[in-house]
């Protein structure tokens, strides 16, 4: 059985989030958190620039995984914001500074393909979703495995 140790840092190439910092707040975090508690969290670039805030966490309901986080940047009070789909694996929660760090420089984020609140792309469009993951140099979440084996009925034999 493959188990994930929440105290062990994510290995390179893995699809789950690494967590940095020693900060522990109220509640169950930082290993398990309600998605709604992450809305509005600041996102910093790898070069330390504030690049926006998390405005949504998008779930792959059938697959039971996070498809991507939505980064809102620019605009004023929600007007004129540009939204960006960010692979979850590209974000590192920083519990000390209570923010996320996106592991690309600010200039790359500013030039990233975006969308507006009235014209959301479809993550079901494999060409678009693959291009998002490639832009951030990530393997698509749907290609990740966690080492589980399925029995003949399709059930995870490690449960």
C-alpha atoms as a PDB file:
ATOM      1  CA  UNK A   1       0.000   0.000   0.000  1.00  0.00           C
ATOM      2  CA  UNK A   2       1.262   3.474  -0.858  1.00  0.00           C
ATOM      3  CA  UNK A   3       0.762   5.929   1.951  1.00  0.00           C
ATOM      4  CA  UNK A   4       1.370   9.646   1.931  1.00  0.00           C
ATOM      5  CA  UNK A   5       3.150  11.002   4.962  1.00  0.00           C
ATOM      6  CA  UNK A   6       1.878  14.566   5.478  1.00  0.00           C
ATOM      7  CA  UNK A   7       5.061  15.404   7.400  1.00  0.00           C
ATOM      8  CA  UNK A   8       7.297  14.357   4.500  1.00  0.00           C
ATOM      9  CA  UNK A   9       7.997  16.937   1.755  1.00  0.00           C
ATOM     10  CA  UNK A  10       6.659  16.171  -1.703  1.00  0.00           C
ATOM     11  CA  UNK A  11       9.208  14.580  -4.012  1.00  0.00           C
ATOM     12  CA  UNK A  12      10.091  16.174  -7.323  1.00  0.00           C
ATOM     13  CA  UNK A  13       7.563  15.194  -9.992  1.00  0.00           C
ATOM     14  CA  UNK A  14       4.817  14.350  -7.517  1.00  0.00           C
ATOM     15  CA  UNK A  15       1.372  15.833  -8.002  1.00  0.00           C
ATOM     16  CA  UNK A  16       0.577  16.763  -4.433  1.00  0.00           C
ATOM     17  CA  UNK A  17       1.463  19.997  -2.665  1.00  0.00           C
ATOM     18  CA  UNK A  18       4.559  20.645  -0.649  1.00  0.00           C
ATOM     19  CA  UNK A  19       4.003  22.733   2.493  1.00  0.00           C
ATOM     20  CA  UNK A  20       6.629  25.086   3.880  1.00  0.00           C
ATOM     21  CA  UNK A  21       6.788  26.883   7.191  1.00  0.00           C
ATOM     22  CA  UNK A  22       6.121  25.884  10.744  1.00  0.00           C
ATOM     23  CA  UNK A  23       2.960  27.920  11.190  1.00  0.00           C
ATOM     24  CA  UNK A  24      -0.083  26.100  12.469  1.00  0.00           C
ATOM     25  CA  UNK A  25      -3.365  27.927  12.776  1.00  0.00           C
ATOM     26  CA  UNK A  26      -6.710  27.113  14.259  1.00  0.00           C
ATOM     27  CA  UNK A  27      -8.422  24.096  12.786  1.00  0.00           C
ATOM     28  CA  UNK A  28      -7.209  21.013  10.969  1.00  0.00           C
ATOM     29  CA  UNK A  29      -4.682  22.663   8.598  1.00  0.00           C
ATOM     30  CA  UNK A  30      -2.312  22.777   6.984  1.00  0.00           C
ATOM     31  CA  UNK A  31      -2.492  19.142   5.811  1.00  0.00           C
ATOM     32  CA  UNK A  32      -6.270  19.016   5.398  1.00  0.00           C
ATOM     33  CA  UNK A  33      -8.189  22.231   4.842  1.00  0.00           C
ATOM     34  CA  UNK A  34     -11.575  23.364   3.611  1.00  0.00           C
ATOM     35  CA  UNK A  35     -11.254  24.816   0.109  1.00  0.00           C
ATOM     36  CA  UNK A  36     -13.266  27.855   1.187  1.00  0.00           C
ATOM     37  CA  UNK A  37     -10.575  28.794   3.730  1.00  0.00           C
ATOM     38  CA  UNK A  38      -8.105  29.216   0.852  1.00  0.00           C
ATOM     39  CA  UNK A  39     -10.227  31.710  -1.100  1.00  0.00           C
ATOM     40  CA  UNK A  40      -8.653  35.131  -0.930  1.00  0.00           C
ATOM     41  CA  UNK A  41      -5.220  33.867   0.082  1.00  0.00           C
ATOM     42  CA  UNK A  42      -2.357  35.919  -1.317  1.00  0.00           C
ATOM     43  CA  UNK A  43      -0.168  34.401  -4.025  1.00  0.00           C
ATOM     44  CA  UNK A  44       3.486  35.395  -4.285  1.00  0.00           C
ATOM     45  CA  UNK A  45       5.775  34.720  -7.247  1.00  0.00           C
ATOM     46  CA  UNK A  46       9.086  32.896  -6.933  1.00  0.00           C
ATOM     47  CA  UNK A  47      10.809  36.282  -7.009  1.00  0.00           C
ATOM     48  CA  UNK A  48       8.757  37.579  -4.075  1.00  0.00           C
ATOM     49  CA  UNK A  49       6.211  39.740  -5.874  1.00  0.00           C
ATOM     50  CA  UNK A  50       2.517  39.774  -4.929  1.00  0.00           C
ATOM     51  CA  UNK A  51       0.760  38.472  -8.062  1.00  0.00           C
ATOM     52  CA  UNK A  52      -2.834  38.057  -6.927  1.00  0.00           C
ATOM     53  CA  UNK A  53      -5.187  36.036  -4.776  1.00  0.00           C
ATOM     54  CA  UNK A  54      -6.787  32.618  -4.919  1.00  0.00           C
ATOM     55  CA  UNK A  55     -10.379  33.141  -6.019  1.00  0.00           C
ATOM     56  CA  UNK A  56     -11.482  29.508  -6.372  1.00  0.00           C
ATOM     57  CA  UNK A  57     -10.338  25.923  -6.096  1.00  0.00           C
ATOM     58  CA  UNK A  58     -11.681  23.882  -9.010  1.00  0.00           C
ATOM     59  CA  UNK A  59     -12.375  20.209  -8.353  1.00  0.00           C
ATOM     60  CA  UNK A  60     -12.378  17.277 -10.730  1.00  0.00           C
ATOM     61  CA  UNK A  61     -15.523  15.831  -9.177  1.00  0.00           C
ATOM     62  CA  UNK A  62     -15.379  12.477 -10.981  1.00  0.00           C
ATOM     63  CA  UNK A  63     -11.677  12.005 -10.271  1.00  0.00           C
ATOM     64  CA  UNK A  64     -11.777  13.328  -6.713  1.00  0.00           C
ATOM     65  CA  UNK A  65      -8.801  15.634  -7.220  1.00  0.00           C
ATOM     66  CA  UNK A  66      -8.018  19.325  -7.469  1.00  0.00           C
ATOM     67  CA  UNK A  67      -8.042  20.310 -11.147  1.00  0.00           C
ATOM     68  CA  UNK A  68      -6.551  23.761 -10.611  1.00  0.00           C
ATOM     69  CA  UNK A  69      -6.633  26.892  -8.493  1.00  0.00           C
ATOM     70  CA  UNK A  70      -7.925  30.147  -9.937  1.00  0.00           C
ATOM     71  CA  UNK A  71      -5.597  33.113  -9.473  1.00  0.00           C
ATOM     72  CA  UNK A  72      -7.233  36.528  -9.695  1.00  0.00           C
ATOM     73  CA  UNK A  73      -4.896  39.382 -10.582  1.00  0.00           C
ATOM     74  CA  UNK A  74      -5.136  43.006 -11.603  1.00  0.00           C
ATOM     75  CA  UNK A  75      -8.359  44.929 -11.510  1.00  0.00           C
ATOM     76  CA  UNK A  76      -9.865  46.792  -8.611  1.00  0.00           C
ATOM     77  CA  UNK A  77     -12.451  45.346  -6.220  1.00  0.00           C
ATOM     78  CA  UNK A  78     -13.079  42.472  -8.604  1.00  0.00           C
ATOM     79  CA  UNK A  79     -13.631  44.681 -11.668  1.00  0.00           C
ATOM     80  CA  UNK A  80     -11.236  44.083 -14.535  1.00  0.00           C
ATOM     81  CA  UNK A  81      -9.563  41.092 -12.907  1.00  0.00           C
ATOM     82  CA  UNK A  82      -7.739  38.586 -15.062  1.00  0.00           C
ATOM     83  CA  UNK A  83      -8.193  34.991 -13.970  1.00  0.00           C
ATOM     84  CA  UNK A  84      -5.542  32.305 -14.434  1.00  0.00           C
ATOM     85  CA  UNK A  85      -5.855  28.553 -14.052  1.00  0.00           C
ATOM     86  CA  UNK A  86      -2.878  27.455 -11.944  1.00  0.00           C
ATOM     87  CA  UNK A  87      -1.956  23.780 -11.527  1.00  0.00           C
ATOM     88  CA  UNK A  88      -2.294  22.903  -7.858  1.00  0.00           C
ATOM     89  CA  UNK A  89       1.155  21.291  -7.920  1.00  0.00           C
ATOM     90  CA  UNK A  90       2.702  24.658  -8.901  1.00  0.00           C
ATOM     91  CA  UNK A  91       1.539  26.242  -5.632  1.00  0.00           C
ATOM     92  CA  UNK A  92       3.306  25.843  -2.307  1.00  0.00           C
ATOM     93  CA  UNK A  93       1.399  26.791   0.830  1.00  0.00           C
ATOM     94  CA  UNK A  94       3.586  28.895   3.147  1.00  0.00           C
ATOM     95  CA  UNK A  95       2.134  28.532   6.629  1.00  0.00           C
ATOM     96  CA  UNK A  96       4.461  31.131   8.165  1.00  0.00           C
ATOM     97  CA  UNK A  97       3.446  33.929   5.790  1.00  0.00           C
ATOM     98  CA  UNK A  98      -0.078  32.541   5.259  1.00  0.00           C
ATOM     99  CA  UNK A  99       0.152  32.688   1.490  1.00  0.00           C
ATOM    100  CA  UNK A 100       0.890  30.540  -1.524  1.00  0.00           C
ATOM    101  CA  UNK A 101       4.111  30.724  -3.486  1.00  0.00           C
ATOM    102  CA  UNK A 102       3.826  30.090  -7.210  1.00  0.00           C
ATOM    103  CA  UNK A 103       7.140  28.764  -8.442  1.00  0.00           C
ATOM    104  CA  UNK A 104       7.460  31.035 -11.476  1.00  0.00           C
ATOM    105  CA  UNK A 105       8.680  34.650 -11.735  1.00  0.00           C
ATOM    106  CA  UNK A 106       6.132  37.477 -11.668  1.00  0.00           C
ATOM    107  CA  UNK A 107       6.764  38.427 -15.296  1.00  0.00           C
ATOM    108  CA  UNK A 108       5.842  34.912 -16.479  1.00  0.00           C
ATOM    109  CA  UNK A 109       2.618  35.044 -14.473  1.00  0.00           C
ATOM    110  CA  UNK A 110       1.751  38.454 -15.936  1.00  0.00           C
ATOM    111  CA  UNK A 111       2.208  37.009 -19.439  1.00  0.00           C
ATOM    112  CA  UNK A 112       0.273  33.821 -18.680  1.00  0.00           C
ATOM    113  CA  UNK A 113      -2.853  33.036 -20.667  1.00  0.00           C
ATOM    114  CA  UNK A 114      -5.876  34.180 -18.714  1.00  0.00           C
ATOM    115  CA  UNK A 115      -9.630  34.501 -18.922  1.00  0.00           C
ATOM    116  CA  UNK A 116     -12.338  36.676 -17.424  1.00  0.00           C
ATOM    117  CA  UNK A 117     -15.163  35.827 -15.054  1.00  0.00           C
ATOM    118  CA  UNK A 118     -17.721  35.715 -17.878  1.00  0.00           C
ATOM    119  CA  UNK A 119     -15.707  33.460 -20.214  1.00  0.00           C
ATOM    120  CA  UNK A 120     -14.353  30.480 -18.303  1.00  0.00           C
ATOM    121  CA  UNK A 121     -12.492  27.893 -20.366  1.00  0.00           C
ATOM    122  CA  UNK A 122     -13.454  24.252 -20.189  1.00  0.00           C
ATOM    123  CA  UNK A 123     -10.917  22.090 -18.414  1.00  0.00           C
ATOM    124  CA  UNK A 124     -12.579  19.242 -20.328  1.00  0.00           C
ATOM    125  CA  UNK A 125     -10.922  20.708 -23.441  1.00  0.00           C
ATOM    126  CA  UNK A 126      -7.778  18.581 -23.321  1.00  0.00           C
ATOM    127  CA  UNK A 127      -5.814  20.901 -25.603  1.00  0.00           C
ATOM    128  CA  UNK A 128      -6.473  23.909 -23.368  1.00  0.00           C
ATOM    129  CA  UNK A 129      -5.930  22.086 -20.088  1.00  0.00           C
ATOM    130  CA  UNK A 130      -2.717  20.455 -21.295  1.00  0.00           C
ATOM    131  CA  UNK A 131      -1.405  23.841 -22.449  1.00  0.00           C
ATOM    132  CA  UNK A 132      -2.047  25.278 -18.957  1.00  0.00           C
ATOM    133  CA  UNK A 133      -0.008  22.541 -17.307  1.00  0.00           C
ATOM    134  CA  UNK A 134       2.753  22.870 -19.906  1.00  0.00           C
ATOM    135  CA  UNK A 135       2.928  26.654 -19.381  1.00  0.00           C
ATOM    136  CA  UNK A 136       3.710  26.075 -15.700  1.00  0.00           C
ATOM    137  CA  UNK A 137       6.021  23.138 -16.492  1.00  0.00           C
ATOM    138  CA  UNK A 138       3.811  20.612 -14.702  1.00  0.00           C
ATOM    139  CA  UNK A 139       2.530  17.173 -15.563  1.00  0.00           C
ATOM    140  CA  UNK A 140      -1.264  17.204 -15.829  1.00  0.00           C
ATOM    141  CA  UNK A 141      -2.951  16.011 -12.647  1.00  0.00           C
ATOM    142  CA  UNK A 142      -4.908  13.389 -14.596  1.00  0.00           C
ATOM    143  CA  UNK A 143      -1.665  11.657 -15.600  1.00  0.00           C
ATOM    144  CA  UNK A 144      -0.534  11.228 -11.977  1.00  0.00           C
ATOM    145  CA  UNK A 145      -0.724   7.952 -10.147  1.00  0.00           C
ATOM    146  CA  UNK A 146      -0.141   7.290  -6.506  1.00  0.00           C
ATOM    147  CA  UNK A 147       0.939   3.687  -6.815  1.00  0.00           C
ATOM    148  CA  UNK A 148      -2.387   2.059  -6.096  1.00  0.00           C
ATOM    149  CA  UNK A 149      -3.422  -1.134  -7.772  1.00  0.00           C
ATOM    150  CA  UNK A 150      -6.931  -1.900  -8.966  1.00  0.00           C
ATOM    151  CA  UNK A 151      -8.473  -5.333  -8.614  1.00  0.00           C
ATOM    152  CA  UNK A 152     -10.542  -6.918 -11.391  1.00  0.00           C
ATOM    153  CA  UNK A 153     -13.636  -4.997 -10.339  1.00  0.00           C
ATOM    154  CA  UNK A 154     -11.837  -1.658 -10.608  1.00  0.00           C
ATOM    155  CA  UNK A 155     -11.626  -1.135  -6.843  1.00  0.00           C
ATOM    156  CA  UNK A 156      -8.455  -0.032  -5.126  1.00  0.00           C
ATOM    157  CA  UNK A 157      -7.130  -3.233  -3.582  1.00  0.00           C
ATOM    158  CA  UNK A 158      -5.175  -1.214  -1.014  1.00  0.00           C
ATOM    159  CA  UNK A 159      -8.278   0.136   0.740  1.00  0.00           C
END
